[in-house]
PDB file of N, CA and C in Angstrom:
ATOM      1  N   MET A   1     -30.190-103.604 -88.389  1.00  0.00           N
ATOM      2  CA  MET A   1     -30.630-103.773 -87.010  1.00  0.00           C
ATOM      3  C   MET A   1     -32.159-103.800 -86.981  1.00  0.00           C
ATOM      4  N   SER A   2     -32.716-104.801 -86.350  1.00  0.00           N
ATOM      5  CA  SER A   2     -34.171-104.887 -86.276  1.00  0.00           C
ATOM      6  C   SER A   2     -34.684-104.074 -85.087  1.00  0.00           C
ATOM      7  N   SER A   3     -35.927-103.752 -85.129  1.00  0.00           N
ATOM      8  CA  SER A   3     -36.530-102.967 -84.060  1.00  0.00           C
ATOM      9  C   SER A   3     -36.876-103.868 -82.881  1.00  0.00           C
ATOM     10  N   ILE A   4     -37.035-103.256 -81.738  1.00  0.00           N
ATOM     11  CA  ILE A   4     -37.426-104.004 -80.542  1.00  0.00           C
ATOM     12  C   ILE A   4     -38.790-104.638 -80.763  1.00  0.00           C
ATOM     13  N   LEU A   5     -39.717-103.897 -81.352  1.00  0.00           N
ATOM     14  CA  LEU A   5     -41.064-104.434 -81.555  1.00  0.00           C
ATOM     15  C   LEU A   5     -41.064-105.589 -82.544  1.00  0.00           C
ATOM     16  N   ALA A   6     -40.221-105.521 -83.562  1.00  0.00           N
ATOM     17  CA  ALA A   6     -40.100-106.650 -84.489  1.00  0.00           C
ATOM     18  C   ALA A   6     -39.547-107.860 -83.762  1.00  0.00           C
ATOM     19  N   ASP A   7     -38.611-107.638 -82.872  1.00  0.00           N
ATOM     20  CA  ASP A   7     -38.049-108.741 -82.082  1.00  0.00           C
ATOM     21  C   ASP A   7     -39.100-109.327 -81.134  1.00  0.00           C
ATOM     22  N   VAL A   8     -39.905-108.468 -80.535  1.00  0.00           N
ATOM     23  CA  VAL A   8     -40.991-108.947 -79.666  1.00  0.00           C
ATOM     24  C   VAL A   8     -41.961-109.794 -80.476  1.00  0.00           C
ATOM     25  N   ALA A   9     -42.351-109.290 -81.640  1.00  0.00           N
ATOM     26  CA  ALA A   9     -43.298-110.008 -82.502  1.00  0.00           C
ATOM     27  C   ALA A   9     -42.735-111.351 -82.941  1.00  0.00           C
ATOM     28  N   ALA A  10     -41.419-111.411 -83.143  1.00  0.00           N
ATOM     29  CA  ALA A  10     -40.775-112.657 -83.579  1.00  0.00           C
ATOM     30  C   ALA A  10     -40.497-113.610 -82.420  1.00  0.00           C
ATOM     31  N   GLY A  11     -40.759-113.160 -81.202  1.00  0.00           N
ATOM     32  CA  GLY A  11     -40.540-114.015 -80.043  1.00  0.00           C
ATOM     33  C   GLY A  11     -39.074-114.222 -79.699  1.00  0.00           C
ATOM     34  N   LYS A  12     -38.239-113.266 -80.064  1.00  0.00           N
ATOM     35  CA  LYS A  12     -36.804-113.390 -79.794  1.00  0.00           C
ATOM     36  C   LYS A  12     -36.531-113.305 -78.290  1.00  0.00           C
ATOM     37  N   PRO A  13     -35.552-114.079 -77.835  1.00  0.00           N
ATOM     38  CA  PRO A  13     -35.196-114.039 -76.410  1.00  0.00           C
ATOM     39  C   PRO A  13     -34.802-112.623 -75.987  1.00  0.00           C
ATOM     40  N   ASN A  14     -35.220-112.252 -74.831  1.00  0.00           N
ATOM     41  CA  ASN A  14     -34.897-110.952 -74.220  1.00  0.00           C
ATOM     42  C   ASN A  14     -35.553-109.758 -74.894  1.00  0.00           C
ATOM     43  N   ALA A  15     -36.360-109.962 -75.921  1.00  0.00           N
ATOM     44  CA  ALA A  15     -36.990-108.834 -76.614  1.00  0.00           C
ATOM     45  C   ALA A  15     -37.996-108.119 -75.725  1.00  0.00           C
ATOM     46  N   VAL A  16     -38.790-108.875 -75.004  1.00  0.00           N
ATOM     47  CA  VAL A  16     -39.788-108.245 -74.125  1.00  0.00           C
ATOM     48  C   VAL A  16     -39.086-107.457 -73.027  1.00  0.00           C
ATOM     49  N   ALA A  17     -38.029-108.031 -72.473  1.00  0.00           N
ATOM     50  CA  ALA A  17     -37.279-107.324 -71.433  1.00  0.00           C
ATOM     51  C   ALA A  17     -36.689-106.027 -71.977  1.00  0.00           C
ATOM     52  N   ALA A  18     -36.171-106.063 -73.191  1.00  0.00           N
ATOM     53  CA  ALA A  18     -35.617-104.852 -73.813  1.00  0.00           C
ATOM     54  C   ALA A  18     -36.712-103.817 -74.044  1.00  0.00           C
ATOM     55  N   CYS A  19     -37.874-104.266 -74.454  1.00  0.00           N
ATOM     56  CA  CYS A  19     -39.014-103.375 -74.679  1.00  0.00           C
ATOM     57  C   CYS A  19     -39.435-102.715 -73.365  1.00  0.00           C
ATOM     58  N   VAL A  20     -39.562-103.512 -72.328  1.00  0.00           N
ATOM     59  CA  VAL A  20     -39.954-102.987 -71.018  1.00  0.00           C
ATOM     60  C   VAL A  20     -38.915-101.989 -70.521  1.00  0.00           C
ATOM     61  N   GLN A  21     -37.649-102.317 -70.658  1.00  0.00           N
ATOM     62  CA  GLN A  21     -36.582-101.430 -70.194  1.00  0.00           C
ATOM     63  C   GLN A  21     -36.597-100.096 -70.946  1.00  0.00           C
ATOM     64  N   LYS A  22     -36.806-100.146 -72.239  1.00  0.00           N
ATOM     65  CA  LYS A  22     -36.769 -98.923 -73.047  1.00  0.00           C
ATOM     66  C   LYS A  22     -37.993 -98.036 -72.839  1.00  0.00           C
ATOM     67  N   TYR A  23     -39.175 -98.649 -72.737  1.00  0.00           N
ATOM     68  CA  TYR A  23     -40.404 -97.859 -72.748  1.00  0.00           C
ATOM     69  C   TYR A  23     -41.035 -97.626 -71.386  1.00  0.00           C
ATOM     70  N   THR A  24     -40.508 -98.250 -70.333  1.00  0.00           N
ATOM     71  CA  THR A  24     -41.070 -98.004 -69.007  1.00  0.00           C
ATOM     72  C   THR A  24     -40.962 -96.532 -68.592  1.00  0.00           C
ATOM     73  N   PRO A  25     -39.805 -95.884 -68.745  1.00  0.00           N
ATOM     74  CA  PRO A  25     -39.744 -94.484 -68.271  1.00  0.00           C
ATOM     75  C   PRO A  25     -40.782 -93.547 -68.898  1.00  0.00           C
ATOM     76  N   PRO A  26     -40.940 -93.512 -70.226  1.00  0.00           N
ATOM     77  CA  PRO A  26     -41.948 -92.576 -70.753  1.00  0.00           C
ATOM     78  C   PRO A  26     -43.382 -92.991 -70.409  1.00  0.00           C
ATOM     79  N   ILE A  27     -43.645 -94.289 -70.374  1.00  0.00           N
ATOM     80  CA  ILE A  27     -44.998 -94.742 -70.027  1.00  0.00           C
ATOM     81  C   ILE A  27     -45.274 -94.462 -68.555  1.00  0.00           C
ATOM     82  N   TRP A  28     -44.288 -94.689 -67.702  1.00  0.00           N
ATOM     83  CA  TRP A  28     -44.460 -94.429 -66.269  1.00  0.00           C
ATOM     84  C   TRP A  28     -44.763 -92.945 -66.038  1.00  0.00           C
ATOM     85  N   ASN A  29     -44.039 -92.064 -66.724  1.00  0.00           N
ATOM     86  CA  ASN A  29     -44.296 -90.628 -66.573  1.00  0.00           C
ATOM     87  C   ASN A  29     -45.712 -90.276 -66.996  1.00  0.00           C
ATOM     88  N   LEU A  30     -46.154 -90.825 -68.095  1.00  0.00           N
ATOM     89  CA  LEU A  30     -47.512 -90.585 -68.562  1.00  0.00           C
ATOM     90  C   LEU A  30     -48.537 -91.141 -67.579  1.00  0.00           C
ATOM     91  N   ALA A  31     -48.280 -92.324 -67.065  1.00  0.00           N
ATOM     92  CA  ALA A  31     -49.195 -92.948 -66.103  1.00  0.00           C
ATOM     93  C   ALA A  31     -49.308 -92.116 -64.833  1.00  0.00           C
ATOM     94  N   ARG A  32     -48.197 -91.628 -64.346  1.00  0.00           N
ATOM     95  CA  ARG A  32     -48.223 -90.821 -63.112  1.00  0.00           C
ATOM     96  C   ARG A  32     -48.978 -89.511 -63.333  1.00  0.00           C
ATOM     97  N   GLN A  33     -48.900 -88.955 -64.539  1.00  0.00           N
ATOM     98  CA  GLN A  33     -49.628 -87.715 -64.833  1.00  0.00           C
ATOM     99  C   GLN A  33     -51.124 -87.963 -64.907  1.00  0.00           C
ATOM    100  N   LEU A  34     -51.510 -89.046 -65.552  1.00  0.00           N
ATOM    101  CA  LEU A  34     -52.934 -89.297 -65.790  1.00  0.00           C
ATOM    102  C   LEU A  34     -53.628 -89.974 -64.615  1.00  0.00           C
ATOM    103  N   LEU A  35     -52.924 -90.822 -63.888  1.00  0.00           N
ATOM    104  CA  LEU A  35     -53.574 -91.598 -62.829  1.00  0.00           C
ATOM    105  C   LEU A  35     -53.315 -91.061 -61.431  1.00  0.00           C
ATOM    106  N   ARG A  36     -52.155 -90.476 -61.214  1.00  0.00           N
ATOM    107  CA  ARG A  36     -51.804 -89.865 -59.933  1.00  0.00           C
ATOM    108  C   ARG A  36     -51.768 -90.843 -58.760  1.00  0.00           C
ATOM    109  N   ASN A  37     -51.796 -92.125 -59.021  1.00  0.00           N
ATOM    110  CA  ASN A  37     -51.736 -93.125 -57.968  1.00  0.00           C
ATOM    111  C   ASN A  37     -50.700 -94.173 -58.374  1.00  0.00           C
ATOM    112  N   PRO A  38     -49.663 -94.360 -57.554  1.00  0.00           N
ATOM    113  CA  PRO A  38     -48.599 -95.292 -57.943  1.00  0.00           C
ATOM    114  C   PRO A  38     -49.086 -96.719 -58.149  1.00  0.00           C
ATOM    115  N   HIS A  39     -50.020 -97.171 -57.344  1.00  0.00           N
ATOM    116  CA  HIS A  39     -50.518 -98.543 -57.479  1.00  0.00           C
ATOM    117  C   HIS A  39     -51.288 -98.723 -58.786  1.00  0.00           C
ATOM    118  N   ASP A  40     -52.132 -97.759 -59.115  1.00  0.00           N
ATOM    119  CA  ASP A  40     -52.854 -97.813 -60.390  1.00  0.00           C
ATOM    120  C   ASP A  40     -51.879 -97.733 -61.562  1.00  0.00           C
ATOM    121  N   SER A  41     -50.853 -96.907 -61.413  1.00  0.00           N
ATOM    122  CA  SER A  41     -49.854 -96.760 -62.475  1.00  0.00           C
ATOM    123  C   SER A  41     -49.109 -98.069 -62.717  1.00  0.00           C
ATOM    124  N   GLU A  42     -48.746 -98.761 -61.650  1.00  0.00           N
ATOM    125  CA  GLU A  42     -48.051-100.047 -61.781  1.00  0.00           C
ATOM    126  C   GLU A  42     -48.937-101.081 -62.479  1.00  0.00           C
ATOM    127  N   ASP A  43     -50.193-101.154 -62.065  1.00  0.00           N
ATOM    128  CA  ASP A  43     -51.126-102.090 -62.711  1.00  0.00           C
ATOM    129  C   ASP A  43     -51.303-101.747 -64.186  1.00  0.00           C
ATOM    130  N   ALA A  44     -51.421-100.466 -64.463  1.00  0.00           N
ATOM    131  CA  ALA A  44     -51.607-100.021 -65.845  1.00  0.00           C
ATOM    132  C   ALA A  44     -50.397-100.383 -66.698  1.00  0.00           C
ATOM    133  N   LEU A  45     -49.201-100.243 -66.147  1.00  0.00           N
ATOM    134  CA  LEU A  45     -47.989-100.590 -66.895  1.00  0.00           C
ATOM    135  C   LEU A  45     -48.026-102.037 -67.343  1.00  0.00           C
ATOM    136  N   GLN A  46     -48.438-102.921 -66.473  1.00  0.00           N
ATOM    137  CA  GLN A  46     -48.530-104.337 -66.838  1.00  0.00           C
ATOM    138  C   GLN A  46     -49.513-104.541 -67.982  1.00  0.00           C
ATOM    139  N   ASP A  47     -50.670-103.899 -67.886  1.00  0.00           N
ATOM    140  CA  ASP A  47     -51.676-104.019 -68.948  1.00  0.00           C
ATOM    141  C   ASP A  47     -51.170-103.437 -70.260  1.00  0.00           C
ATOM    142  N   ILE A  48     -50.478-102.329 -70.167  1.00  0.00           N
ATOM    143  CA  ILE A  48     -49.961-101.667 -71.373  1.00  0.00           C
ATOM    144  C   ILE A  48     -48.944-102.554 -72.070  1.00  0.00           C
ATOM    145  N   PHE A  49     -48.012-103.127 -71.315  1.00  0.00           N
ATOM    146  CA  PHE A  49     -47.002-103.966 -71.951  1.00  0.00           C
ATOM    147  C   PHE A  49     -47.607-105.254 -72.508  1.00  0.00           C
ATOM    148  N   LEU A  50     -48.664-105.728 -71.914  1.00  0.00           N
ATOM    149  CA  LEU A  50     -49.372-106.868 -72.489  1.00  0.00           C
ATOM    150  C   LEU A  50     -49.988-106.469 -73.829  1.00  0.00           C
ATOM    151  N   ASP A  51     -50.588-105.285 -73.893  1.00  0.00           N
ATOM    152  CA  ASP A  51     -51.144-104.786 -75.160  1.00  0.00           C
ATOM    153  C   ASP A  51     -50.057-104.578 -76.210  1.00  0.00           C
ATOM    154  N   VAL A  52     -48.927-104.033 -75.782  1.00  0.00           N
ATOM    155  CA  VAL A  52     -47.814-103.825 -76.717  1.00  0.00           C
ATOM    156  C   VAL A  52     -47.338-105.174 -77.250  1.00  0.00           C
ATOM    157  N   TRP A  53     -47.205-106.147 -76.381  1.00  0.00           N
ATOM    158  CA  TRP A  53     -46.767-107.491 -76.794  1.00  0.00           C
ATOM    159  C   TRP A  53     -47.743-108.084 -77.816  1.00  0.00           C
ATOM    160  N   ARG A  54     -49.037-107.950 -77.538  1.00  0.00           N
ATOM    161  CA  ARG A  54     -50.052-108.478 -78.453  1.00  0.00           C
ATOM    162  C   ARG A  54     -50.079-107.743 -79.787  1.00  0.00           C
ATOM    163  N   SER A  55     -49.726-106.470 -79.772  1.00  0.00           N
ATOM    164  CA  SER A  55     -49.827-105.624 -80.965  1.00  0.00           C
ATOM    165  C   SER A  55     -48.517-105.478 -81.729  1.00  0.00           C
ATOM    166  N   ALA A  56     -47.437-105.984 -81.211  1.00  0.00           N
ATOM    167  CA  ALA A  56     -46.106-105.742 -81.783  1.00  0.00           C
ATOM    168  C   ALA A  56     -46.019-106.113 -83.265  1.00  0.00           C
ATOM    169  N   ALA A  57     -46.711-107.142 -83.678  1.00  0.00           N
ATOM    170  CA  ALA A  57     -46.647-107.578 -85.083  1.00  0.00           C
ATOM    171  C   ALA A  57     -47.263-106.543 -86.032  1.00  0.00           C
ATOM    172  N   ARG A  58     -48.106-105.664 -85.518  1.00  0.00           N
ATOM    173  CA  ARG A  58     -48.731-104.629 -86.352  1.00  0.00           C
ATOM    174  C   ARG A  58     -47.837-103.414 -86.571  1.00  0.00           C
ATOM    175  N   PHE A  59     -46.727-103.338 -85.840  1.00  0.00           N
ATOM    176  CA  PHE A  59     -45.835-102.184 -85.973  1.00  0.00           C
ATOM    177  C   PHE A  59     -45.280-102.110 -87.380  1.00  0.00           C
ATOM    178  N   ASP A  60     -45.410-100.929 -87.999  1.00  0.00           N
ATOM    179  CA  ASP A  60     -44.896-100.675 -89.338  1.00  0.00           C
ATOM    180  C   ASP A  60     -43.920 -99.505 -89.254  1.00  0.00           C
ATOM    181  N   PRO A  61     -42.627 -99.779 -89.378  1.00  0.00           N
ATOM    182  CA  PRO A  61     -41.649 -98.701 -89.247  1.00  0.00           C
ATOM    183  C   PRO A  61     -41.810 -97.589 -90.288  1.00  0.00           C
ATOM    184  N   SER A  62     -42.448 -97.877 -91.406  1.00  0.00           N
ATOM    185  CA  SER A  62     -42.654 -96.831 -92.409  1.00  0.00           C
ATOM    186  C   SER A  62     -43.755 -95.854 -91.988  1.00  0.00           C
ATOM    187  N   ALA A  63     -44.555 -96.234 -90.995  1.00  0.00           N
ATOM    188  CA  ALA A  63     -45.637 -95.377 -90.527  1.00  0.00           C
ATOM    189  C   ALA A  63     -45.214 -94.476 -89.367  1.00  0.00           C
ATOM    190  N   GLY A  64     -44.069 -94.754 -88.778  1.00  0.00           N
ATOM    191  CA  GLY A  64     -43.599 -93.935 -87.659  1.00  0.00           C
ATOM    192  C   GLY A  64     -42.645 -94.714 -86.780  1.00  0.00           C
ATOM    193  N   SER A  65     -42.198 -94.066 -85.740  1.00  0.00           N
ATOM    194  CA  SER A  65     -41.242 -94.681 -84.827  1.00  0.00           C
ATOM    195  C   SER A  65     -41.939 -95.645 -83.871  1.00  0.00           C
ATOM    196  N   GLU A  66     -41.133 -96.433 -83.201  1.00  0.00           N
ATOM    197  CA  GLU A  66     -41.689 -97.321 -82.181  1.00  0.00           C
ATOM    198  C   GLU A  66     -42.399 -96.519 -81.093  1.00  0.00           C
ATOM    199  N   MET A  67     -41.813 -95.376 -80.737  1.00  0.00           N
ATOM    200  CA  MET A  67     -42.414 -94.548 -79.684  1.00  0.00           C
ATOM    201  C   MET A  67     -43.803 -94.072 -80.100  1.00  0.00           C
ATOM    202  N   THR A  68     -43.975 -93.723 -81.381  1.00  0.00           N
ATOM    203  CA  THR A  68     -45.296 -93.276 -81.832  1.00  0.00           C
ATOM    204  C   THR A  68     -46.274 -94.443 -81.932  1.00  0.00           C
ATOM    205  N   PHE A  69     -45.781 -95.653 -81.872  1.00  0.00           N
ATOM    206  CA  PHE A  69     -46.643 -96.829 -81.833  1.00  0.00           C
ATOM    207  C   PHE A  69     -47.011 -97.173 -80.386  1.00  0.00           C
ATOM    208  N   VAL A  70     -46.032 -97.116 -79.499  1.00  0.00           N
ATOM    209  CA  VAL A  70     -46.219 -97.540 -78.114  1.00  0.00           C
ATOM    210  C   VAL A  70     -47.019 -96.516 -77.297  1.00  0.00           C
ATOM    211  N   LEU A  71     -46.687 -95.255 -77.413  1.00  0.00           N
ATOM    212  CA  LEU A  71     -47.342 -94.258 -76.560  1.00  0.00           C
ATOM    213  C   LEU A  71     -48.848 -94.126 -76.773  1.00  0.00           C
ATOM    214  N   PRO A  72     -49.375 -94.197 -77.992  1.00  0.00           N
ATOM    215  CA  PRO A  72     -50.841 -94.170 -78.114  1.00  0.00           C
ATOM    216  C   PRO A  72     -51.522 -95.378 -77.460  1.00  0.00           C
ATOM    217  N   ILE A  73     -50.882 -96.529 -77.519  1.00  0.00           N
ATOM    218  CA  ILE A  73     -51.421 -97.708 -76.817  1.00  0.00           C
ATOM    219  C   ILE A  73     -51.490 -97.394 -75.333  1.00  0.00           C
ATOM    220  N   ALA A  74     -50.400 -96.848 -74.809  1.00  0.00           N
ATOM    221  CA  ALA A  74     -50.345 -96.512 -73.383  1.00  0.00           C
ATOM    222  C   ALA A  74     -51.392 -95.456 -73.030  1.00  0.00           C
ATOM    223  N   ARG A  75     -51.476 -94.434 -73.835  1.00  0.00           N
ATOM    224  CA  ARG A  75     -52.410 -93.347 -73.537  1.00  0.00           C
ATOM    225  C   ARG A  75     -53.859 -93.831 -73.532  1.00  0.00           C
ATOM    226  N   ARG A  76     -54.224 -94.637 -74.519  1.00  0.00           N
ATOM    227  CA  ARG A  76     -55.593 -95.166 -74.566  1.00  0.00           C
ATOM    228  C   ARG A  76     -55.901 -95.994 -73.318  1.00  0.00           C
ATOM    229  N   ARG A  77     -54.986 -96.858 -72.960  1.00  0.00           N
ATOM    230  CA  ARG A  77     -55.188 -97.725 -71.796  1.00  0.00           C
ATOM    231  C   ARG A  77     -55.288 -96.894 -70.518  1.00  0.00           C
ATOM    232  N   LEU A  78     -54.453 -95.872 -70.406  1.00  0.00           N
ATOM    233  CA  LEU A  78     -54.469 -95.018 -69.207  1.00  0.00           C
ATOM    234  C   LEU A  78     -55.735 -94.183 -69.125  1.00  0.00           C
ATOM    235  N   ILE A  79     -56.195 -93.676 -70.246  1.00  0.00           N
ATOM    236  CA  ILE A  79     -57.449 -92.907 -70.230  1.00  0.00           C
ATOM    237  C   ILE A  79     -58.604 -93.804 -69.835  1.00  0.00           C
ATOM    238  N   ASP A  80     -58.645 -95.018 -70.369  1.00  0.00           N
ATOM    239  CA  ASP A  80     -59.703 -95.958 -69.991  1.00  0.00           C
ATOM    240  C   ASP A  80     -59.659 -96.243 -68.491  1.00  0.00           C
ATOM    241  N   ARG A  81     -58.466 -96.424 -67.960  1.00  0.00           N
ATOM    242  CA  ARG A  81     -58.323 -96.727 -66.534  1.00  0.00           C
ATOM    243  C   ARG A  81     -58.713 -95.516 -65.675  1.00  0.00           C
ATOM    244  N   ALA A  82     -58.405 -94.314 -66.137  1.00  0.00           N
ATOM    245  CA  ALA A  82     -58.721 -93.104 -65.371  1.00  0.00           C
ATOM    246  C   ALA A  82     -60.226 -92.859 -65.287  1.00  0.00           C
ATOM    247  N   ARG A  83     -60.945 -93.349 -66.271  1.00  0.00           N
ATOM    248  CA  ARG A  83     -62.408 -93.167 -66.264  1.00  0.00           C
ATOM    249  C   ARG A  83     -62.983 -94.028 -65.199  1.00  0.00           C
TER     250      ARG A  83
END
């Protein structure tokens, strides 16, 4: 079974939708904690998933889980936005 990020990187149909569905809840929770504004959180989610899409080919499963790849991207983007 291939990973969602590998599927995103390969441009497989429905891969981005699967990625968004799987990672929206933890990213949304983090966004709400750091930004405290629903509108900013929604905008940030779009930017984060764009970054994840652009970075998906760099995911190395031997270096960690998909979650440990996605959440630092989200956290960096959210901290930048909060500043």
